[in-house]
């Protein structure tokens, strides 16, 4: 390895040569070296001041004691403190009285919107339109009712939670064990008739008799449903599991019996109230029923 002075530049070569090409031993620019060494000093200071060195189960804490988790906790605590008066106001206001305070109702709806995105979109979808087996919360079809108090009760206690006695509970028999396949087909024909999907025929006429004997006790003589037992309206065009012949036959033969979690043991009462307000605001919410006067002059206003 022979070094020499490059005549055009006056710079020494490093002694390397490849196919007649030589490398000059040119020193690095001073500004570049200053930046490089400054970065080293900064890195050392950062490692000392902030969490940086990974260990097996944790990391170095840093002399400043700062962490992104701690910073987030501080921000969340400040946000909780900011929202506390609003949450106390919602908690102190019966849900049936929220519509009388539009500003508080609007705040409750926005809080419910945020909670819905965390807890409910997995089943009901981002737009609350639902899907097969998961109800559309935008329409006005409700099994147990769509007023604010009823929605709050349903959210709190859930649907078909066997470990909770206050849960919403409806039970449709598996008619595949009660009726013959031919009889089920006749009931299907009747249901499709009252829902406007087919014209009267002999099968639907025979199905009407079977429907009156087996189904009307819950769904009503006209198939309009019954909120006392959570029986769906069979005369409209809204179907949870499908309204074609095959889907109706499957639902009659082996009912689906879907489950909604009871949120009363997962969320605080204020969050549930805000969720009820949000669902009610989607377009299908109903007005709170007026209290029913009793013989003694009182009122029965239970949800």
C-alpha atoms as a PDB file:
ATOM      1  CA  UNK A   1       0.000   0.000   0.000  1.00  0.00           C
ATOM      2  CA  UNK A   2       1.763   3.096  -1.292  1.00  0.00           C
ATOM      3  CA  UNK A   3       0.725   6.591  -0.312  1.00  0.00           C
ATOM      4  CA  UNK A   4       1.459   9.619  -2.448  1.00  0.00           C
ATOM      5  CA  UNK A   5       0.440  13.252  -2.877  1.00  0.00           C
ATOM      6  CA  UNK A   6      -2.248  13.866  -5.464  1.00  0.00           C
ATOM      7  CA  UNK A   7      -0.863  16.685  -7.611  1.00  0.00           C
ATOM      8  CA  UNK A   8      -4.168  18.391  -8.676  1.00  0.00           C
ATOM      9  CA  UNK A   9      -5.478  18.617  -5.094  1.00  0.00           C
ATOM     10  CA  UNK A  10      -2.296  18.451  -3.060  1.00  0.00           C
ATOM     11  CA  UNK A  11      -3.966  15.852  -0.819  1.00  0.00           C
ATOM     12  CA  UNK A  12      -2.365  12.586   0.276  1.00  0.00           C
ATOM     13  CA  UNK A  13      -3.948   9.357  -0.934  1.00  0.00           C
ATOM     14  CA  UNK A  14      -4.799   6.536   1.496  1.00  0.00           C
ATOM     15  CA  UNK A  15      -2.867   4.026  -0.586  1.00  0.00           C
ATOM     16  CA  UNK A  16      -5.883   2.125  -1.935  1.00  0.00           C
ATOM     17  CA  UNK A  17      -6.270   1.690  -5.666  1.00  0.00           C
ATOM     18  CA  UNK A  18      -8.986  -0.044  -7.716  1.00  0.00           C
ATOM     19  CA  UNK A  19      -8.633  -0.204 -11.472  1.00  0.00           C
ATOM     20  CA  UNK A  20      -6.563   2.966 -11.451  1.00  0.00           C
ATOM     21  CA  UNK A  21      -8.948   4.796  -9.119  1.00  0.00           C
ATOM     22  CA  UNK A  22      -7.337   6.062  -5.904  1.00  0.00           C
ATOM     23  CA  UNK A  23      -8.955   7.340  -2.671  1.00  0.00           C
ATOM     24  CA  UNK A  24      -7.933  10.709  -1.266  1.00  0.00           C
ATOM     25  CA  UNK A  25      -7.329  11.054   2.464  1.00  0.00           C
ATOM     26  CA  UNK A  26      -9.581  14.125   2.716  1.00  0.00           C
ATOM     27  CA  UNK A  27     -10.493  15.124   6.299  1.00  0.00           C
ATOM     28  CA  UNK A  28     -14.191  15.403   7.245  1.00  0.00           C
ATOM     29  CA  UNK A  29     -15.644  18.936   7.304  1.00  0.00           C
ATOM     30  CA  UNK A  30     -15.403  20.530  10.715  1.00  0.00           C
ATOM     31  CA  UNK A  31     -19.134  21.413  10.774  1.00  0.00           C
ATOM     32  CA  UNK A  32     -19.989  17.756  10.169  1.00  0.00           C
ATOM     33  CA  UNK A  33     -17.723  16.633  13.016  1.00  0.00           C
ATOM     34  CA  UNK A  34     -19.261  19.213  15.370  1.00  0.00           C
ATOM     35  CA  UNK A  35     -22.766  17.929  14.585  1.00  0.00           C
ATOM     36  CA  UNK A  36     -21.664  14.305  14.972  1.00  0.00           C
ATOM     37  CA  UNK A  37     -20.064  14.826  18.381  1.00  0.00           C
ATOM     38  CA  UNK A  38     -23.000  16.991  19.493  1.00  0.00           C
ATOM     39  CA  UNK A  39     -25.344  14.108  18.680  1.00  0.00           C
ATOM     40  CA  UNK A  40     -23.239  11.781  20.803  1.00  0.00           C
ATOM     41  CA  UNK A  41     -23.363  14.198  23.736  1.00  0.00           C
ATOM     42  CA  UNK A  42     -27.127  14.642  23.291  1.00  0.00           C
ATOM     43  CA  UNK A  43     -27.693  10.854  23.169  1.00  0.00           C
ATOM     44  CA  UNK A  44     -25.750  10.338  26.389  1.00  0.00           C
ATOM     45  CA  UNK A  45     -27.722  13.121  28.103  1.00  0.00           C
ATOM     46  CA  UNK A  46     -31.027  11.688  26.831  1.00  0.00           C
ATOM     47  CA  UNK A  47     -30.226   8.210  28.132  1.00  0.00           C
ATOM     48  CA  UNK A  48     -29.433   9.686  31.547  1.00  0.00           C
ATOM     49  CA  UNK A  49     -32.469  11.990  31.712  1.00  0.00           C
ATOM     50  CA  UNK A  50     -35.257   9.854  30.180  1.00  0.00           C
ATOM     51  CA  UNK A  51     -36.290   6.181  30.099  1.00  0.00           C
ATOM     52  CA  UNK A  52     -34.091   4.677  27.412  1.00  0.00           C
ATOM     53  CA  UNK A  53     -32.214   1.521  28.391  1.00  0.00           C
ATOM     54  CA  UNK A  54     -34.361  -1.610  28.055  1.00  0.00           C
ATOM     55  CA  UNK A  55     -34.133  -4.290  30.739  1.00  0.00           C
ATOM     56  CA  UNK A  56     -35.846  -7.658  30.883  1.00  0.00           C
ATOM     57  CA  UNK A  57     -39.051  -6.504  32.572  1.00  0.00           C
ATOM     58  CA  UNK A  58     -38.767  -2.714  32.496  1.00  0.00           C
ATOM     59  CA  UNK A  59     -36.497   0.109  31.393  1.00  0.00           C
ATOM     60  CA  UNK A  60     -34.288   2.714  33.000  1.00  0.00           C
ATOM     61  CA  UNK A  61     -36.389   5.389  34.696  1.00  0.00           C
ATOM     62  CA  UNK A  62     -34.237   8.422  33.915  1.00  0.00           C
ATOM     63  CA  UNK A  63     -33.227  11.061  36.431  1.00  0.00           C
ATOM     64  CA  UNK A  64     -36.137  13.336  35.434  1.00  0.00           C
ATOM     65  CA  UNK A  65     -38.682  10.655  36.292  1.00  0.00           C
ATOM     66  CA  UNK A  66     -40.720  11.405  33.137  1.00  0.00           C
ATOM     67  CA  UNK A  67     -42.613   8.759  31.180  1.00  0.00           C
ATOM     68  CA  UNK A  68     -45.251   8.794  28.463  1.00  0.00           C
ATOM     69  CA  UNK A  69     -47.522   6.742  30.750  1.00  0.00           C
ATOM     70  CA  UNK A  70     -47.149   9.284  33.526  1.00  0.00           C
ATOM     71  CA  UNK A  71     -47.778  12.145  31.119  1.00  0.00           C
ATOM     72  CA  UNK A  72     -50.929  10.418  29.856  1.00  0.00           C
ATOM     73  CA  UNK A  73     -52.131   9.798  33.416  1.00  0.00           C
ATOM     74  CA  UNK A  74     -51.685  13.488  34.189  1.00  0.00           C
ATOM     75  CA  UNK A  75     -53.675  14.510  31.118  1.00  0.00           C
ATOM     76  CA  UNK A  76     -56.430  11.987  31.864  1.00  0.00           C
ATOM     77  CA  UNK A  77     -56.676  13.188  35.453  1.00  0.00           C
ATOM     78  CA  UNK A  78     -57.017  16.779  34.231  1.00  0.00           C
ATOM     79  CA  UNK A  79     -59.712  15.723  31.750  1.00  0.00           C
ATOM     80  CA  UNK A  80     -61.609  13.811  34.441  1.00  0.00           C
ATOM     81  CA  UNK A  81     -61.512  16.870  36.661  1.00  0.00           C
ATOM     82  CA  UNK A  82     -62.771  19.046  33.812  1.00  0.00           C
ATOM     83  CA  UNK A  83     -65.667  16.677  33.048  1.00  0.00           C
ATOM     84  CA  UNK A  84     -66.614  15.966  36.667  1.00  0.00           C
ATOM     85  CA  UNK A  85     -69.269  18.732  36.991  1.00  0.00           C
ATOM     86  CA  UNK A  86     -70.948  17.609  33.766  1.00  0.00           C
ATOM     87  CA  UNK A  87     -70.992  13.948  34.812  1.00  0.00           C
ATOM     88  CA  UNK A  88     -72.399  14.867  38.218  1.00  0.00           C
ATOM     89  CA  UNK A  89     -75.163  16.841  36.519  1.00  0.00           C
ATOM     90  CA  UNK A  90     -76.061  13.899  34.259  1.00  0.00           C
ATOM     91  CA  UNK A  91     -75.987  11.505  37.223  1.00  0.00           C
ATOM     92  CA  UNK A  92     -78.288  13.782  39.231  1.00  0.00           C
ATOM     93  CA  UNK A  93     -80.815  14.138  36.402  1.00  0.00           C
ATOM     94  CA  UNK A  94     -83.280  11.275  35.878  1.00  0.00           C
ATOM     95  CA  UNK A  95     -82.952  10.093  32.298  1.00  0.00           C
ATOM     96  CA  UNK A  96     -86.586  10.932  31.591  1.00  0.00           C
ATOM     97  CA  UNK A  97     -85.837  14.567  32.513  1.00  0.00           C
ATOM     98  CA  UNK A  98     -82.872  14.955  30.148  1.00  0.00           C
ATOM     99  CA  UNK A  99     -84.996  16.188  27.183  1.00  0.00           C
ATOM    100  CA  UNK A 100     -86.100  19.148  29.319  1.00  0.00           C
ATOM    101  CA  UNK A 101     -82.466  20.309  29.454  1.00  0.00           C
ATOM    102  CA  UNK A 102     -81.306  20.439  25.800  1.00  0.00           C
ATOM    103  CA  UNK A 103     -77.764  21.504  26.645  1.00  0.00           C
ATOM    104  CA  UNK A 104     -77.250  18.689  29.136  1.00  0.00           C
ATOM    105  CA  UNK A 105     -78.904  16.213  26.758  1.00  0.00           C
ATOM    106  CA  UNK A 106     -76.544  17.259  23.962  1.00  0.00           C
ATOM    107  CA  UNK A 107     -73.548  16.700  26.238  1.00  0.00           C
ATOM    108  CA  UNK A 108     -74.902  13.294  27.237  1.00  0.00           C
ATOM    109  CA  UNK A 109     -75.385  12.335  23.580  1.00  0.00           C
ATOM    110  CA  UNK A 110     -71.786  13.281  22.756  1.00  0.00           C
ATOM    111  CA  UNK A 111     -70.491  11.304  25.719  1.00  0.00           C
ATOM    112  CA  UNK A 112     -72.587   8.338  24.610  1.00  0.00           C
ATOM    113  CA  UNK A 113     -71.255   8.650  21.080  1.00  0.00           C
ATOM    114  CA  UNK A 114     -67.695   8.265  22.366  1.00  0.00           C
ATOM    115  CA  UNK A 115     -68.628   5.324  24.609  1.00  0.00           C
ATOM    116  CA  UNK A 116     -70.490   3.642  21.727  1.00  0.00           C
ATOM    117  CA  UNK A 117     -67.327   3.680  19.599  1.00  0.00           C
ATOM    118  CA  UNK A 118     -65.481   1.821  22.351  1.00  0.00           C
ATOM    119  CA  UNK A 119     -68.043  -0.695  23.580  1.00  0.00           C
ATOM    120  CA  UNK A 120     -70.787  -1.184  20.960  1.00  0.00           C
ATOM    121  CA  UNK A 121     -69.445  -0.912  17.417  1.00  0.00           C
ATOM    122  CA  UNK A 122     -68.089  -4.461  17.538  1.00  0.00           C
ATOM    123  CA  UNK A 123     -71.655  -5.794  17.219  1.00  0.00           C
ATOM    124  CA  UNK A 124     -73.831  -2.907  16.049  1.00  0.00           C
ATOM    125  CA  UNK A 125     -71.322  -1.340  13.635  1.00  0.00           C
ATOM    126  CA  UNK A 126     -69.826   2.138  13.483  1.00  0.00           C
ATOM    127  CA  UNK A 127     -73.091   3.608  12.215  1.00  0.00           C
ATOM    128  CA  UNK A 128     -75.244   1.475  14.568  1.00  0.00           C
ATOM    129  CA  UNK A 129     -76.895  -0.133  11.531  1.00  0.00           C
ATOM    130  CA  UNK A 130     -76.261  -3.633  12.889  1.00  0.00           C
ATOM    131  CA  UNK A 131     -76.063  -6.763  10.756  1.00  0.00           C
ATOM    132  CA  UNK A 132     -77.589 -10.219  10.683  1.00  0.00           C
ATOM    133  CA  UNK A 133     -78.234 -11.145  14.314  1.00  0.00           C
ATOM    134  CA  UNK A 134     -77.343  -7.660  15.598  1.00  0.00           C
ATOM    135  CA  UNK A 135     -80.162  -5.076  15.745  1.00  0.00           C
ATOM    136  CA  UNK A 136     -80.184  -1.875  13.740  1.00  0.00           C
ATOM    137  CA  UNK A 137     -80.414   0.908  16.331  1.00  0.00           C
ATOM    138  CA  UNK A 138     -81.363   3.569  13.775  1.00  0.00           C
ATOM    139  CA  UNK A 139     -84.854   2.319  12.997  1.00  0.00           C
ATOM    140  CA  UNK A 140     -87.999   2.442  15.149  1.00  0.00           C
ATOM    141  CA  UNK A 141     -88.367  -1.311  15.656  1.00  0.00           C
ATOM    142  CA  UNK A 142     -87.880  -2.184  19.340  1.00  0.00           C
ATOM    143  CA  UNK A 143     -88.500  -5.497  21.089  1.00  0.00           C
ATOM    144  CA  UNK A 144     -88.886  -3.997  24.570  1.00  0.00           C
ATOM    145  CA  UNK A 145     -89.336  -0.325  23.756  1.00  0.00           C
ATOM    146  CA  UNK A 146     -87.235   2.578  22.563  1.00  0.00           C
ATOM    147  CA  UNK A 147     -87.837   5.345  25.111  1.00  0.00           C
ATOM    148  CA  UNK A 148     -84.931   6.645  27.206  1.00  0.00           C
ATOM    149  CA  UNK A 149     -85.791   4.787  30.411  1.00  0.00           C
ATOM    150  CA  UNK A 150     -86.337   1.485  28.613  1.00  0.00           C
ATOM    151  CA  UNK A 151     -83.063   1.806  26.712  1.00  0.00           C
ATOM    152  CA  UNK A 152     -81.212   2.549  29.956  1.00  0.00           C
ATOM    153  CA  UNK A 153     -82.748  -0.545  31.576  1.00  0.00           C
ATOM    154  CA  UNK A 154     -81.859  -2.754  28.605  1.00  0.00           C
ATOM    155  CA  UNK A 155     -78.277  -1.512  28.560  1.00  0.00           C
ATOM    156  CA  UNK A 156     -77.911  -1.962  32.312  1.00  0.00           C
ATOM    157  CA  UNK A 157     -79.340  -5.474  32.527  1.00  0.00           C
ATOM    158  CA  UNK A 158     -78.652  -6.892  29.081  1.00  0.00           C
ATOM    159  CA  UNK A 159     -80.564  -9.527  27.178  1.00  0.00           C
ATOM    160  CA  UNK A 160     -80.613 -13.212  28.130  1.00  0.00           C
ATOM    161  CA  UNK A 161     -77.841 -13.039  30.720  1.00  0.00           C
ATOM    162  CA  UNK A 162     -78.499 -16.230  32.715  1.00  0.00           C
ATOM    163  CA  UNK A 163     -76.568 -15.055  35.786  1.00  0.00           C
ATOM    164  CA  UNK A 164     -78.654 -11.911  36.240  1.00  0.00           C
ATOM    165  CA  UNK A 165     -82.280 -12.059  37.343  1.00  0.00           C
ATOM    166  CA  UNK A 166     -83.160  -8.558  36.082  1.00  0.00           C
ATOM    167  CA  UNK A 167     -81.997  -9.253  32.527  1.00  0.00           C
ATOM    168  CA  UNK A 168     -84.346  -8.968  29.569  1.00  0.00           C
ATOM    169  CA  UNK A 169     -85.520 -12.500  28.897  1.00  0.00           C
ATOM    170  CA  UNK A 170     -87.602 -13.904  26.070  1.00  0.00           C
ATOM    171  CA  UNK A 171     -87.834 -17.529  25.069  1.00  0.00           C
ATOM    172  CA  UNK A 172     -89.272 -18.832  21.834  1.00  0.00           C
ATOM    173  CA  UNK A 173     -89.826 -22.603  21.775  1.00  0.00           C
ATOM    174  CA  UNK A 174     -87.983 -24.725  19.254  1.00  0.00           C
ATOM    175  CA  UNK A 175     -90.999 -25.579  17.127  1.00  0.00           C
ATOM    176  CA  UNK A 176     -88.966 -28.173  15.282  1.00  0.00           C
ATOM    177  CA  UNK A 177     -89.690 -30.348  18.324  1.00  0.00           C
ATOM    178  CA  UNK A 178     -93.397 -29.381  18.431  1.00  0.00           C
ATOM    179  CA  UNK A 179     -94.607 -29.101  14.837  1.00  0.00           C
ATOM    180  CA  UNK A 180     -93.923 -31.269  11.820  1.00  0.00           C
ATOM    181  CA  UNK A 181     -91.845 -29.860   8.932  1.00  0.00           C
ATOM    182  CA  UNK A 182     -95.032 -29.562   6.857  1.00  0.00           C
ATOM    183  CA  UNK A 183     -96.749 -27.589   9.622  1.00  0.00           C
ATOM    184  CA  UNK A 184     -93.731 -25.296   9.986  1.00  0.00           C
ATOM    185  CA  UNK A 185     -93.862 -24.619   6.243  1.00  0.00           C
ATOM    186  CA  UNK A 186     -97.503 -23.561   6.631  1.00  0.00           C
ATOM    187  CA  UNK A 187     -96.638 -21.207   9.489  1.00  0.00           C
ATOM    188  CA  UNK A 188     -93.861 -19.755   7.331  1.00  0.00           C
ATOM    189  CA  UNK A 189     -96.393 -19.147   4.556  1.00  0.00           C
ATOM    190  CA  UNK A 190     -98.648 -17.300   6.998  1.00  0.00           C
ATOM    191  CA  UNK A 191     -95.798 -15.156   8.330  1.00  0.00           C
ATOM    192  CA  UNK A 192     -94.768 -14.254   4.796  1.00  0.00           C
ATOM    193  CA  UNK A 193     -98.389 -13.361   4.075  1.00  0.00           C
ATOM    194  CA  UNK A 194     -98.802 -10.991   7.027  1.00  0.00           C
ATOM    195  CA  UNK A 195     -95.433  -9.394   6.239  1.00  0.00           C
ATOM    196  CA  UNK A 196     -96.559  -8.659   2.695  1.00  0.00           C
ATOM    197  CA  UNK A 197     -94.163 -11.038   0.953  1.00  0.00           C
ATOM    198  CA  UNK A 198     -96.684 -13.376  -0.686  1.00  0.00           C
ATOM    199  CA  UNK A 199    -100.327 -13.660  -1.609  1.00  0.00           C
ATOM    200  CA  UNK A 200    -102.870 -15.820   0.264  1.00  0.00           C
ATOM    201  CA  UNK A 201    -102.907 -19.497  -0.607  1.00  0.00           C
ATOM    202  CA  UNK A 202    -103.916 -22.797   0.941  1.00  0.00           C
ATOM    203  CA  UNK A 203    -100.650 -23.085   2.880  1.00  0.00           C
ATOM    204  CA  UNK A 204    -100.997 -19.624   4.434  1.00  0.00           C
ATOM    205  CA  UNK A 205    -104.615 -20.333   5.379  1.00  0.00           C
ATOM    206  CA  UNK A 206    -103.608 -23.519   7.181  1.00  0.00           C
ATOM    207  CA  UNK A 207    -100.667 -21.636   8.711  1.00  0.00           C
ATOM    208  CA  UNK A 208    -103.029 -19.026  10.148  1.00  0.00           C
ATOM    209  CA  UNK A 209    -104.726 -21.712  12.230  1.00  0.00           C
ATOM    210  CA  UNK A 210    -101.383 -23.044  13.466  1.00  0.00           C
ATOM    211  CA  UNK A 211    -100.172 -19.498  14.167  1.00  0.00           C
ATOM    212  CA  UNK A 212    -103.246 -18.738  16.279  1.00  0.00           C
ATOM    213  CA  UNK A 213    -102.733 -21.900  18.316  1.00  0.00           C
ATOM    214  CA  UNK A 214     -98.976 -21.670  18.822  1.00  0.00           C
ATOM    215  CA  UNK A 215     -97.641 -18.181  18.118  1.00  0.00           C
ATOM    216  CA  UNK A 216    -100.309 -15.592  18.809  1.00  0.00           C
ATOM    217  CA  UNK A 217     -99.846 -15.844  22.570  1.00  0.00           C
ATOM    218  CA  UNK A 218     -96.559 -13.934  22.216  1.00  0.00           C
ATOM    219  CA  UNK A 219     -96.659 -12.299  18.780  1.00  0.00           C
ATOM    220  CA  UNK A 220    -100.326 -11.317  18.967  1.00  0.00           C
ATOM    221  CA  UNK A 221    -103.175 -12.455  16.721  1.00  0.00           C
ATOM    222  CA  UNK A 222    -101.990 -10.183  13.893  1.00  0.00           C
ATOM    223  CA  UNK A 223     -98.277 -10.869  14.457  1.00  0.00           C
ATOM    224  CA  UNK A 224     -97.602  -7.313  15.646  1.00  0.00           C
ATOM    225  CA  UNK A 225     -95.378  -8.530  18.461  1.00  0.00           C
ATOM    226  CA  UNK A 226     -95.481  -8.005  22.207  1.00  0.00           C
ATOM    227  CA  UNK A 227     -93.060  -5.869  24.194  1.00  0.00           C
ATOM    228  CA  UNK A 228     -94.083  -7.510  27.464  1.00  0.00           C
ATOM    229  CA  UNK A 229     -92.207 -10.646  26.364  1.00  0.00           C
ATOM    230  CA  UNK A 230     -89.856  -9.161  23.756  1.00  0.00           C
ATOM    231  CA  UNK A 231     -91.688 -10.795  20.838  1.00  0.00           C
ATOM    232  CA  UNK A 232     -90.821  -9.192  17.470  1.00  0.00           C
ATOM    233  CA  UNK A 233     -93.310  -7.705  15.067  1.00  0.00           C
ATOM    234  CA  UNK A 234     -93.680 -10.203  12.212  1.00  0.00           C
ATOM    235  CA  UNK A 235     -95.839  -7.990  10.036  1.00  0.00           C
ATOM    236  CA  UNK A 236     -93.224  -5.408   9.067  1.00  0.00           C
ATOM    237  CA  UNK A 237     -90.200  -5.635   6.779  1.00  0.00           C
ATOM    238  CA  UNK A 238     -87.592  -5.596   9.551  1.00  0.00           C
ATOM    239  CA  UNK A 239     -85.880  -8.923  10.238  1.00  0.00           C
ATOM    240  CA  UNK A 240     -83.033  -9.665  12.609  1.00  0.00           C
ATOM    241  CA  UNK A 241     -82.038 -12.963  11.022  1.00  0.00           C
ATOM    242  CA  UNK A 242     -83.638 -12.585   7.580  1.00  0.00           C
ATOM    243  CA  UNK A 243     -87.175 -12.658   6.227  1.00  0.00           C
ATOM    244  CA  UNK A 244     -86.916 -15.067   3.314  1.00  0.00           C
ATOM    245  CA  UNK A 245     -88.557 -18.485   3.446  1.00  0.00           C
ATOM    246  CA  UNK A 246     -85.419 -20.354   4.513  1.00  0.00           C
ATOM    247  CA  UNK A 247     -84.508 -17.831   7.238  1.00  0.00           C
ATOM    248  CA  UNK A 248     -88.017 -17.782   8.735  1.00  0.00           C
ATOM    249  CA  UNK A 249     -88.173 -21.584   8.689  1.00  0.00           C
ATOM    250  CA  UNK A 250     -84.809 -21.795  10.461  1.00  0.00           C
ATOM    251  CA  UNK A 251     -85.899 -19.281  13.123  1.00  0.00           C
ATOM    252  CA  UNK A 252     -89.089 -21.225  13.826  1.00  0.00           C
ATOM    253  CA  UNK A 253     -87.404 -24.621  13.863  1.00  0.00           C
ATOM    254  CA  UNK A 254     -84.464 -23.672  16.111  1.00  0.00           C
ATOM    255  CA  UNK A 255     -84.691 -20.129  17.569  1.00  0.00           C
ATOM    256  CA  UNK A 256     -81.494 -18.084  17.750  1.00  0.00           C
ATOM    257  CA  UNK A 257     -81.829 -16.558  21.244  1.00  0.00           C
ATOM    258  CA  UNK A 258     -79.147 -13.895  20.849  1.00  0.00           C
ATOM    259  CA  UNK A 259     -77.414 -12.373  23.877  1.00  0.00           C
ATOM    260  CA  UNK A 260     -76.416  -8.799  24.668  1.00  0.00           C
ATOM    261  CA  UNK A 261     -74.027  -8.235  27.591  1.00  0.00           C
ATOM    262  CA  UNK A 262     -75.374  -6.463  30.650  1.00  0.00           C
ATOM    263  CA  UNK A 263     -73.309  -3.323  30.924  1.00  0.00           C
ATOM    264  CA  UNK A 264     -74.334  -2.603  34.496  1.00  0.00           C
ATOM    265  CA  UNK A 265     -71.403  -4.643  35.779  1.00  0.00           C
ATOM    266  CA  UNK A 266     -68.927  -3.219  33.250  1.00  0.00           C
ATOM    267  CA  UNK A 267     -69.696   0.486  32.948  1.00  0.00           C
ATOM    268  CA  UNK A 268     -70.650   3.159  35.457  1.00  0.00           C
ATOM    269  CA  UNK A 269     -74.247   4.363  35.586  1.00  0.00           C
ATOM    270  CA  UNK A 270     -73.454   7.746  33.981  1.00  0.00           C
ATOM    271  CA  UNK A 271     -71.799   6.137  30.954  1.00  0.00           C
ATOM    272  CA  UNK A 272     -74.816   3.839  30.516  1.00  0.00           C
ATOM    273  CA  UNK A 273     -77.126   6.855  30.737  1.00  0.00           C
ATOM    274  CA  UNK A 274     -75.108   8.660  28.068  1.00  0.00           C
ATOM    275  CA  UNK A 275     -75.178   5.553  25.862  1.00  0.00           C
ATOM    276  CA  UNK A 276     -78.966   5.411  26.192  1.00  0.00           C
ATOM    277  CA  UNK A 277     -79.199   9.090  25.240  1.00  0.00           C
ATOM    278  CA  UNK A 278     -76.996   8.514  22.188  1.00  0.00           C
ATOM    279  CA  UNK A 279     -78.923   5.460  20.961  1.00  0.00           C
ATOM    280  CA  UNK A 280     -82.180   7.351  21.504  1.00  0.00           C
ATOM    281  CA  UNK A 281     -80.858  10.210  19.360  1.00  0.00           C
ATOM    282  CA  UNK A 282     -80.095   8.010  16.340  1.00  0.00           C
ATOM    283  CA  UNK A 283     -83.550   8.448  14.883  1.00  0.00           C
ATOM    284  CA  UNK A 284     -85.629   5.588  16.221  1.00  0.00           C
ATOM    285  CA  UNK A 285     -85.955   6.747  19.814  1.00  0.00           C
ATOM    286  CA  UNK A 286     -89.447   6.921  21.258  1.00  0.00           C
ATOM    287  CA  UNK A 287     -91.030   9.390  23.659  1.00  0.00           C
ATOM    288  CA  UNK A 288     -91.302   8.366  27.309  1.00  0.00           C
ATOM    289  CA  UNK A 289     -94.712   6.781  27.899  1.00  0.00           C
ATOM    290  CA  UNK A 290     -97.068   8.832  30.023  1.00  0.00           C
ATOM    291  CA  UNK A 291     -97.797   7.426  33.510  1.00  0.00           C
ATOM    292  CA  UNK A 292    -100.940   5.315  33.721  1.00  0.00           C
ATOM    293  CA  UNK A 293    -103.435   6.453  36.345  1.00  0.00           C
ATOM    294  CA  UNK A 294    -104.507   3.825  38.869  1.00  0.00           C
ATOM    295  CA  UNK A 295    -107.823   3.376  40.665  1.00  0.00           C
ATOM    296  CA  UNK A 296    -106.338   5.073  43.722  1.00  0.00           C
ATOM    297  CA  UNK A 297    -105.438   8.125  41.681  1.00  0.00           C
ATOM    298  CA  UNK A 298    -101.744   7.387  41.597  1.00  0.00           C
ATOM    299  CA  UNK A 299     -99.658   6.502  38.582  1.00  0.00           C
ATOM    300  CA  UNK A 300     -97.855   3.425  37.353  1.00  0.00           C
ATOM    301  CA  UNK A 301     -94.830   4.719  35.488  1.00  0.00           C
ATOM    302  CA  UNK A 302     -92.528   1.702  35.641  1.00  0.00           C
ATOM    303  CA  UNK A 303     -90.230   1.095  32.698  1.00  0.00           C
END
